[in-house]
């Protein structure tokens, strides 16, 4: 059985809103094994975004433990968390967050700038390989405003994997995309998963969650359901079902 990659024990987060304490996350016990493809779901205010921020080392928990790849993250200071984020986690966000005045290749290279041992030629090679993996190497020298939404999200995914992270954390990655482009992006995630990548996807769309192997559902800050999806949809197969005009690669 694959090793446990992420583990939380009694993980909780409380925010102070004036005189009121808001419990955004309540005592979550969770294990994610290497190579899983997981969808985290829940309505607005359910705690899924708070969990994402904690798993992504973007915030500190109030109580509880978080072990990432054998490292007790909950004991780390801000500088140590910054290093973990760069070394262990690949982020994909709904809004892409590409730098507008730099090319696709240069955007993908950004995480490598923190690696002082990685020289310019090596950065180019790694970034080019990442673009090839997501199928957009022919747009390497285009700027974001020259790319469609789907192409921009592929660049963002390439940026997320360029450092070979232990897992990919995707927050509503299809939220700004139309149906066809969303399926194409999910096909990229499924291809990465098939190559052995661990993917944790935050979404409120059941149609998107059905491409994942396991569904975690949150409500009022609690994990209320943890189910295996026995028959994940195939994004590749769904693309073939689209009308010919829609299935053509325009993203």
C-alpha atoms as a PDB file:
ATOM      1  CA  UNK A   1       0.000   0.000   0.000  1.00  0.00           C
ATOM      2  CA  UNK A   2       1.330   3.507  -0.830  1.00  0.00           C
ATOM      3  CA  UNK A   3       2.761   5.470   2.069  1.00  0.00           C
ATOM      4  CA  UNK A   4       0.819   8.186   3.871  1.00  0.00           C
ATOM      5  CA  UNK A   5       1.851  11.497   2.350  1.00  0.00           C
ATOM      6  CA  UNK A   6      -0.393  13.930   4.252  1.00  0.00           C
ATOM      7  CA  UNK A   7      -1.791  13.365   7.725  1.00  0.00           C
ATOM      8  CA  UNK A   8      -3.781  15.626  10.015  1.00  0.00           C
ATOM      9  CA  UNK A   9      -4.699  14.877  13.633  1.00  0.00           C
ATOM     10  CA  UNK A  10      -7.320  17.031  15.299  1.00  0.00           C
ATOM     11  CA  UNK A  11      -6.553  19.875  12.906  1.00  0.00           C
ATOM     12  CA  UNK A  12      -8.551  23.005  13.754  1.00  0.00           C
ATOM     13  CA  UNK A  13      -8.615  26.683  12.859  1.00  0.00           C
ATOM     14  CA  UNK A  14     -10.371  29.452  14.778  1.00  0.00           C
ATOM     15  CA  UNK A  15     -10.577  33.056  13.603  1.00  0.00           C
ATOM     16  CA  UNK A  16     -11.212  36.014  15.895  1.00  0.00           C
ATOM     17  CA  UNK A  17     -13.808  38.282  14.285  1.00  0.00           C
ATOM     18  CA  UNK A  18     -14.082  41.221  16.677  1.00  0.00           C
ATOM     19  CA  UNK A  19     -15.491  39.749  19.878  1.00  0.00           C
ATOM     20  CA  UNK A  20     -16.662  36.592  18.140  1.00  0.00           C
ATOM     21  CA  UNK A  21     -14.647  33.436  17.556  1.00  0.00           C
ATOM     22  CA  UNK A  22     -15.401  31.606  14.311  1.00  0.00           C
ATOM     23  CA  UNK A  23     -14.459  27.930  14.141  1.00  0.00           C
ATOM     24  CA  UNK A  24     -13.634  27.516  10.462  1.00  0.00           C
ATOM     25  CA  UNK A  25     -12.233  23.995  10.864  1.00  0.00           C
ATOM     26  CA  UNK A  26     -13.023  21.557  13.653  1.00  0.00           C
ATOM     27  CA  UNK A  27     -10.782  18.638  14.663  1.00  0.00           C
ATOM     28  CA  UNK A  28     -10.136  17.103  11.239  1.00  0.00           C
ATOM     29  CA  UNK A  29      -8.432  13.706  11.110  1.00  0.00           C
ATOM     30  CA  UNK A  30      -7.307  12.899   7.585  1.00  0.00           C
ATOM     31  CA  UNK A  31      -4.844  10.735   5.668  1.00  0.00           C
ATOM     32  CA  UNK A  32      -3.853  11.106   2.021  1.00  0.00           C
ATOM     33  CA  UNK A  33      -1.657   8.424   0.493  1.00  0.00           C
ATOM     34  CA  UNK A  34       0.927   8.963  -2.196  1.00  0.00           C
ATOM     35  CA  UNK A  35      -0.597   8.751  -5.682  1.00  0.00           C
ATOM     36  CA  UNK A  36      -4.197   9.501  -4.702  1.00  0.00           C
ATOM     37  CA  UNK A  37      -6.482  11.860  -6.613  1.00  0.00           C
ATOM     38  CA  UNK A  38      -8.823  13.503  -4.094  1.00  0.00           C
ATOM     39  CA  UNK A  39     -11.632  16.022  -4.457  1.00  0.00           C
ATOM     40  CA  UNK A  40     -12.508  18.202  -1.450  1.00  0.00           C
ATOM     41  CA  UNK A  41     -16.083  19.474  -1.607  1.00  0.00           C
ATOM     42  CA  UNK A  42     -18.469  21.587   0.419  1.00  0.00           C
ATOM     43  CA  UNK A  43     -20.627  24.676   0.288  1.00  0.00           C
ATOM     44  CA  UNK A  44     -19.306  28.170   0.921  1.00  0.00           C
ATOM     45  CA  UNK A  45     -18.292  28.389   4.578  1.00  0.00           C
ATOM     46  CA  UNK A  46     -17.891  24.629   4.953  1.00  0.00           C
ATOM     47  CA  UNK A  47     -14.185  24.810   5.788  1.00  0.00           C
ATOM     48  CA  UNK A  48     -12.727  23.462   2.554  1.00  0.00           C
ATOM     49  CA  UNK A  49     -10.797  26.662   1.741  1.00  0.00           C
ATOM     50  CA  UNK A  50      -9.437  26.816   5.302  1.00  0.00           C
ATOM     51  CA  UNK A  51      -8.290  23.209   4.977  1.00  0.00           C
ATOM     52  CA  UNK A  52      -6.665  24.010   1.634  1.00  0.00           C
ATOM     53  CA  UNK A  53      -4.748  26.899   3.205  1.00  0.00           C
ATOM     54  CA  UNK A  54      -3.505  24.636   5.995  1.00  0.00           C
ATOM     55  CA  UNK A  55      -2.573  21.730   3.726  1.00  0.00           C
ATOM     56  CA  UNK A  56      -0.823  24.200   1.425  1.00  0.00           C
ATOM     57  CA  UNK A  57       1.167  25.676   4.332  1.00  0.00           C
ATOM     58  CA  UNK A  58      -0.369  29.083   3.610  1.00  0.00           C
ATOM     59  CA  UNK A  59      -1.683  29.445   7.164  1.00  0.00           C
ATOM     60  CA  UNK A  60      -1.104  28.135  10.688  1.00  0.00           C
ATOM     61  CA  UNK A  61      -3.585  25.879  12.459  1.00  0.00           C
ATOM     62  CA  UNK A  62      -4.954  26.891  15.849  1.00  0.00           C
ATOM     63  CA  UNK A  63      -4.625  23.384  17.255  1.00  0.00           C
ATOM     64  CA  UNK A  64      -3.839  19.895  15.991  1.00  0.00           C
ATOM     65  CA  UNK A  65      -1.065  18.348  13.946  1.00  0.00           C
ATOM     66  CA  UNK A  66      -0.198  18.302  10.251  1.00  0.00           C
ATOM     67  CA  UNK A  67       2.450  15.905   8.937  1.00  0.00           C
ATOM     68  CA  UNK A  68       3.573  16.440   5.326  1.00  0.00           C
ATOM     69  CA  UNK A  69       5.909  13.870   3.791  1.00  0.00           C
ATOM     70  CA  UNK A  70       7.097  12.953   7.285  1.00  0.00           C
ATOM     71  CA  UNK A  71       7.634  16.579   8.350  1.00  0.00           C
ATOM     72  CA  UNK A  72       5.658  18.048  11.309  1.00  0.00           C
ATOM     73  CA  UNK A  73       4.497  21.207   9.530  1.00  0.00           C
ATOM     74  CA  UNK A  74       2.467  22.470  12.505  1.00  0.00           C
ATOM     75  CA  UNK A  75       5.723  23.136  14.390  1.00  0.00           C
ATOM     76  CA  UNK A  76       7.295  25.313  11.682  1.00  0.00           C
ATOM     77  CA  UNK A  77       7.810  29.056  11.587  1.00  0.00           C
ATOM     78  CA  UNK A  78       6.969  31.261   8.590  1.00  0.00           C
ATOM     79  CA  UNK A  79      10.415  30.944   6.960  1.00  0.00           C
ATOM     80  CA  UNK A  80      10.343  27.181   7.245  1.00  0.00           C
ATOM     81  CA  UNK A  81       6.829  27.092   5.786  1.00  0.00           C
ATOM     82  CA  UNK A  82       8.014  29.174   2.825  1.00  0.00           C
ATOM     83  CA  UNK A  83      10.720  26.607   2.081  1.00  0.00           C
ATOM     84  CA  UNK A  84       8.233  23.725   2.358  1.00  0.00           C
ATOM     85  CA  UNK A  85       5.820  25.443  -0.018  1.00  0.00           C
ATOM     86  CA  UNK A  86       8.526  25.803  -2.649  1.00  0.00           C
ATOM     87  CA  UNK A  87       9.952  22.311  -2.250  1.00  0.00           C
ATOM     88  CA  UNK A  88       6.935  20.122  -1.575  1.00  0.00           C
ATOM     89  CA  UNK A  89       3.762  21.699  -2.987  1.00  0.00           C
ATOM     90  CA  UNK A  90       2.593  22.704  -6.448  1.00  0.00           C
ATOM     91  CA  UNK A  91      -0.281  25.203  -6.477  1.00  0.00           C
ATOM     92  CA  UNK A  92      -2.929  25.702  -9.152  1.00  0.00           C
ATOM     93  CA  UNK A  93      -5.496  28.452  -8.560  1.00  0.00           C
ATOM     94  CA  UNK A  94      -8.756  29.484 -10.174  1.00  0.00           C
ATOM     95  CA  UNK A  95      -7.344  32.832 -11.347  1.00  0.00           C
ATOM     96  CA  UNK A  96      -4.087  31.474 -12.866  1.00  0.00           C
ATOM     97  CA  UNK A  97      -1.901  34.243 -11.298  1.00  0.00           C
ATOM     98  CA  UNK A  98       0.462  34.497 -14.253  1.00  0.00           C
ATOM     99  CA  UNK A  99       2.758  37.513 -14.539  1.00  0.00           C
ATOM    100  CA  UNK A 100       1.399  39.489 -17.533  1.00  0.00           C
ATOM    101  CA  UNK A 101       4.705  40.845 -18.853  1.00  0.00           C
ATOM    102  CA  UNK A 102       6.555  37.539 -18.904  1.00  0.00           C
ATOM    103  CA  UNK A 103       6.276  34.618 -21.314  1.00  0.00           C
ATOM    104  CA  UNK A 104       4.731  31.262 -20.517  1.00  0.00           C
ATOM    105  CA  UNK A 105       8.216  29.788 -20.170  1.00  0.00           C
ATOM    106  CA  UNK A 106       9.322  32.523 -17.785  1.00  0.00           C
ATOM    107  CA  UNK A 107       6.172  32.097 -15.689  1.00  0.00           C
ATOM    108  CA  UNK A 108       6.882  28.387 -15.338  1.00  0.00           C
ATOM    109  CA  UNK A 109      10.477  29.131 -14.319  1.00  0.00           C
ATOM    110  CA  UNK A 110       9.431  31.306 -11.368  1.00  0.00           C
ATOM    111  CA  UNK A 111       9.527  28.598  -8.641  1.00  0.00           C
ATOM    112  CA  UNK A 112      13.044  27.661  -9.797  1.00  0.00           C
ATOM    113  CA  UNK A 113      14.366  31.137  -9.043  1.00  0.00           C
ATOM    114  CA  UNK A 114      14.458  30.164  -5.355  1.00  0.00           C
ATOM    115  CA  UNK A 115      16.838  27.317  -6.158  1.00  0.00           C
ATOM    116  CA  UNK A 116      20.248  28.939  -6.102  1.00  0.00           C
ATOM    117  CA  UNK A 117      21.907  25.775  -7.430  1.00  0.00           C
ATOM    118  CA  UNK A 118      19.656  25.750 -10.501  1.00  0.00           C
ATOM    119  CA  UNK A 119      21.364  27.654 -13.317  1.00  0.00           C
ATOM    120  CA  UNK A 120      19.667  29.460 -16.179  1.00  0.00           C
ATOM    121  CA  UNK A 121      20.057  26.621 -18.679  1.00  0.00           C
ATOM    122  CA  UNK A 122      18.685  24.077 -16.213  1.00  0.00           C
ATOM    123  CA  UNK A 123      15.725  26.347 -15.436  1.00  0.00           C
ATOM    124  CA  UNK A 124      14.937  26.606 -19.155  1.00  0.00           C
ATOM    125  CA  UNK A 125      15.168  22.838 -19.581  1.00  0.00           C
ATOM    126  CA  UNK A 126      12.932  22.061 -16.603  1.00  0.00           C
ATOM    127  CA  UNK A 127      10.346  24.677 -17.569  1.00  0.00           C
ATOM    128  CA  UNK A 128      10.287  23.466 -21.174  1.00  0.00           C
ATOM    129  CA  UNK A 129       9.765  19.887 -19.993  1.00  0.00           C
ATOM    130  CA  UNK A 130       6.887  20.978 -17.747  1.00  0.00           C
ATOM    131  CA  UNK A 131       5.230  22.764 -20.664  1.00  0.00           C
ATOM    132  CA  UNK A 132       5.639  19.618 -22.768  1.00  0.00           C
ATOM    133  CA  UNK A 133       3.965  17.516 -20.068  1.00  0.00           C
ATOM    134  CA  UNK A 134       0.838  19.698 -20.152  1.00  0.00           C
ATOM    135  CA  UNK A 135       0.898  19.897 -23.957  1.00  0.00           C
ATOM    136  CA  UNK A 136       1.538  23.587 -24.455  1.00  0.00           C
ATOM    137  CA  UNK A 137       5.221  23.764 -25.381  1.00  0.00           C
ATOM    138  CA  UNK A 138       4.330  25.504 -28.658  1.00  0.00           C
ATOM    139  CA  UNK A 139       3.137  28.519 -26.623  1.00  0.00           C
ATOM    140  CA  UNK A 140       6.311  28.833 -24.556  1.00  0.00           C
ATOM    141  CA  UNK A 141       7.161  32.324 -25.805  1.00  0.00           C
ATOM    142  CA  UNK A 142       3.631  33.734 -25.716  1.00  0.00           C
ATOM    143  CA  UNK A 143       2.513  36.189 -23.039  1.00  0.00           C
ATOM    144  CA  UNK A 144      -0.629  35.498 -20.971  1.00  0.00           C
ATOM    145  CA  UNK A 145      -2.735  37.979 -22.983  1.00  0.00           C
ATOM    146  CA  UNK A 146      -1.927  35.918 -26.078  1.00  0.00           C
ATOM    147  CA  UNK A 147      -3.300  32.746 -24.496  1.00  0.00           C
ATOM    148  CA  UNK A 148      -6.827  31.453 -23.956  1.00  0.00           C
ATOM    149  CA  UNK A 149      -8.108  30.655 -20.479  1.00  0.00           C
ATOM    150  CA  UNK A 150      -7.393  26.963 -20.947  1.00  0.00           C
ATOM    151  CA  UNK A 151      -3.878  27.665 -22.157  1.00  0.00           C
ATOM    152  CA  UNK A 152      -3.219  29.952 -19.193  1.00  0.00           C
ATOM    153  CA  UNK A 153      -4.369  27.247 -16.793  1.00  0.00           C
ATOM    154  CA  UNK A 154      -2.053  24.739 -18.477  1.00  0.00           C
ATOM    155  CA  UNK A 155       0.828  27.158 -17.955  1.00  0.00           C
ATOM    156  CA  UNK A 156      -0.201  27.445 -14.300  1.00  0.00           C
ATOM    157  CA  UNK A 157      -0.206  23.643 -13.989  1.00  0.00           C
ATOM    158  CA  UNK A 158       3.239  23.480 -15.627  1.00  0.00           C
ATOM    159  CA  UNK A 159       4.469  26.025 -13.080  1.00  0.00           C
ATOM    160  CA  UNK A 160       3.015  23.874 -10.301  1.00  0.00           C
ATOM    161  CA  UNK A 161       4.888  20.725 -11.374  1.00  0.00           C
ATOM    162  CA  UNK A 162       8.226  22.241 -12.455  1.00  0.00           C
ATOM    163  CA  UNK A 163       9.803  21.625  -9.031  1.00  0.00           C
ATOM    164  CA  UNK A 164       8.532  18.014  -8.954  1.00  0.00           C
ATOM    165  CA  UNK A 165       6.435  18.596  -5.797  1.00  0.00           C
ATOM    166  CA  UNK A 166       5.202  15.756  -3.603  1.00  0.00           C
ATOM    167  CA  UNK A 167       1.616  16.823  -4.279  1.00  0.00           C
ATOM    168  CA  UNK A 168      -0.420  19.233  -6.389  1.00  0.00           C
ATOM    169  CA  UNK A 169      -2.987  21.398  -4.632  1.00  0.00           C
ATOM    170  CA  UNK A 170      -5.603  22.780  -7.014  1.00  0.00           C
ATOM    171  CA  UNK A 171      -8.151  25.332  -5.766  1.00  0.00           C
ATOM    172  CA  UNK A 172     -11.208  25.530  -8.061  1.00  0.00           C
ATOM    173  CA  UNK A 173      -8.935  25.177 -11.142  1.00  0.00           C
ATOM    174  CA  UNK A 174     -11.897  25.048 -13.544  1.00  0.00           C
ATOM    175  CA  UNK A 175     -13.897  27.840 -11.905  1.00  0.00           C
ATOM    176  CA  UNK A 176     -13.144  30.397 -14.632  1.00  0.00           C
ATOM    177  CA  UNK A 177     -13.407  27.981 -17.565  1.00  0.00           C
ATOM    178  CA  UNK A 178     -16.192  26.801 -19.840  1.00  0.00           C
ATOM    179  CA  UNK A 179     -17.313  23.167 -19.862  1.00  0.00           C
ATOM    180  CA  UNK A 180     -15.095  21.943 -22.708  1.00  0.00           C
ATOM    181  CA  UNK A 181     -11.997  23.680 -21.382  1.00  0.00           C
ATOM    182  CA  UNK A 182     -12.723  22.388 -17.871  1.00  0.00           C
ATOM    183  CA  UNK A 183     -12.725  18.819 -19.168  1.00  0.00           C
ATOM    184  CA  UNK A 184      -9.451  19.436 -21.003  1.00  0.00           C
ATOM    185  CA  UNK A 185      -7.867  20.736 -17.788  1.00  0.00           C
ATOM    186  CA  UNK A 186      -9.170  17.725 -15.861  1.00  0.00           C
ATOM    187  CA  UNK A 187      -7.641  15.513 -18.544  1.00  0.00           C
ATOM    188  CA  UNK A 188      -4.277  17.111 -17.753  1.00  0.00           C
ATOM    189  CA  UNK A 189      -4.752  16.370 -14.032  1.00  0.00           C
ATOM    190  CA  UNK A 190      -5.721  12.784 -14.792  1.00  0.00           C
ATOM    191  CA  UNK A 191      -2.626  12.376 -16.955  1.00  0.00           C
ATOM    192  CA  UNK A 192      -0.444  13.722 -14.139  1.00  0.00           C
ATOM    193  CA  UNK A 193      -2.152  11.379 -11.708  1.00  0.00           C
ATOM    194  CA  UNK A 194      -1.514   8.449 -14.072  1.00  0.00           C
ATOM    195  CA  UNK A 195       2.172   9.400 -13.952  1.00  0.00           C
ATOM    196  CA  UNK A 196       2.116   8.979 -10.163  1.00  0.00           C
ATOM    197  CA  UNK A 197       1.366  12.525  -8.979  1.00  0.00           C
ATOM    198  CA  UNK A 198      -0.759  13.064  -5.882  1.00  0.00           C
ATOM    199  CA  UNK A 199      -3.542  15.541  -6.642  1.00  0.00           C
ATOM    200  CA  UNK A 200      -5.757  17.303  -4.074  1.00  0.00           C
ATOM    201  CA  UNK A 201      -8.518  19.233  -5.818  1.00  0.00           C
ATOM    202  CA  UNK A 202     -10.860  21.716  -4.124  1.00  0.00           C
ATOM    203  CA  UNK A 203     -14.143  22.141  -6.000  1.00  0.00           C
ATOM    204  CA  UNK A 204     -17.836  22.825  -5.444  1.00  0.00           C
ATOM    205  CA  UNK A 205     -18.810  21.130  -8.719  1.00  0.00           C
ATOM    206  CA  UNK A 206     -19.805  17.462  -8.507  1.00  0.00           C
ATOM    207  CA  UNK A 207     -19.203  17.043 -12.256  1.00  0.00           C
ATOM    208  CA  UNK A 208     -15.559  17.982 -11.688  1.00  0.00           C
ATOM    209  CA  UNK A 209     -15.228  15.911  -8.513  1.00  0.00           C
ATOM    210  CA  UNK A 210     -16.324  12.811 -10.429  1.00  0.00           C
ATOM    211  CA  UNK A 211     -12.932  12.747 -12.164  1.00  0.00           C
ATOM    212  CA  UNK A 212     -11.270  12.096  -8.776  1.00  0.00           C
ATOM    213  CA  UNK A 213     -10.880   8.739  -7.018  1.00  0.00           C
ATOM    214  CA  UNK A 214     -11.943   9.872  -3.550  1.00  0.00           C
ATOM    215  CA  UNK A 215     -14.387  12.497  -2.285  1.00  0.00           C
ATOM    216  CA  UNK A 216     -14.069  14.388   1.009  1.00  0.00           C
ATOM    217  CA  UNK A 217     -17.107  16.468   1.938  1.00  0.00           C
ATOM    218  CA  UNK A 218     -17.057  19.239   4.548  1.00  0.00           C
ATOM    219  CA  UNK A 219     -19.863  20.998   6.392  1.00  0.00           C
ATOM    220  CA  UNK A 220     -19.588  23.565   9.179  1.00  0.00           C
ATOM    221  CA  UNK A 221     -15.864  22.965   9.472  1.00  0.00           C
ATOM    222  CA  UNK A 222     -16.160  19.206   9.888  1.00  0.00           C
ATOM    223  CA  UNK A 223     -15.308  16.311   7.612  1.00  0.00           C
ATOM    224  CA  UNK A 224     -18.704  14.638   7.275  1.00  0.00           C
ATOM    225  CA  UNK A 225     -18.010  12.185   4.468  1.00  0.00           C
ATOM    226  CA  UNK A 226     -14.985  10.337   3.087  1.00  0.00           C
ATOM    227  CA  UNK A 227     -15.922   8.091   0.181  1.00  0.00           C
ATOM    228  CA  UNK A 228     -14.127   6.223  -2.568  1.00  0.00           C
ATOM    229  CA  UNK A 229     -15.382   6.944  -6.089  1.00  0.00           C
ATOM    230  CA  UNK A 230     -15.354   3.433  -7.593  1.00  0.00           C
ATOM    231  CA  UNK A 231     -15.773   4.645 -11.181  1.00  0.00           C
ATOM    232  CA  UNK A 232     -14.020   7.985 -11.805  1.00  0.00           C
ATOM    233  CA  UNK A 233     -15.025   9.595 -15.069  1.00  0.00           C
ATOM    234  CA  UNK A 234     -12.435   9.682 -17.843  1.00  0.00           C
ATOM    235  CA  UNK A 235     -11.839  13.214 -19.087  1.00  0.00           C
ATOM    236  CA  UNK A 236     -10.226  11.822 -22.230  1.00  0.00           C
ATOM    237  CA  UNK A 237     -13.345   9.791 -22.989  1.00  0.00           C
ATOM    238  CA  UNK A 238     -15.601  12.766 -22.248  1.00  0.00           C
ATOM    239  CA  UNK A 239     -13.658  14.907 -24.712  1.00  0.00           C
ATOM    240  CA  UNK A 240     -14.290  12.338 -27.434  1.00  0.00           C
ATOM    241  CA  UNK A 241     -18.032  12.555 -26.764  1.00  0.00           C
ATOM    242  CA  UNK A 242     -18.145  16.290 -27.465  1.00  0.00           C
ATOM    243  CA  UNK A 243     -19.405  17.538 -30.842  1.00  0.00           C
ATOM    244  CA  UNK A 244     -16.564  17.682 -33.356  1.00  0.00           C
ATOM    245  CA  UNK A 245     -16.416  21.493 -33.448  1.00  0.00           C
ATOM    246  CA  UNK A 246     -16.206  21.650 -29.646  1.00  0.00           C
ATOM    247  CA  UNK A 247     -13.683  18.869 -29.315  1.00  0.00           C
ATOM    248  CA  UNK A 248     -11.062  20.546 -31.460  1.00  0.00           C
ATOM    249  CA  UNK A 249      -8.041  21.827 -29.520  1.00  0.00           C
ATOM    250  CA  UNK A 250      -8.571  25.570 -29.284  1.00  0.00           C
ATOM    251  CA  UNK A 251      -7.325  26.062 -25.765  1.00  0.00           C
END
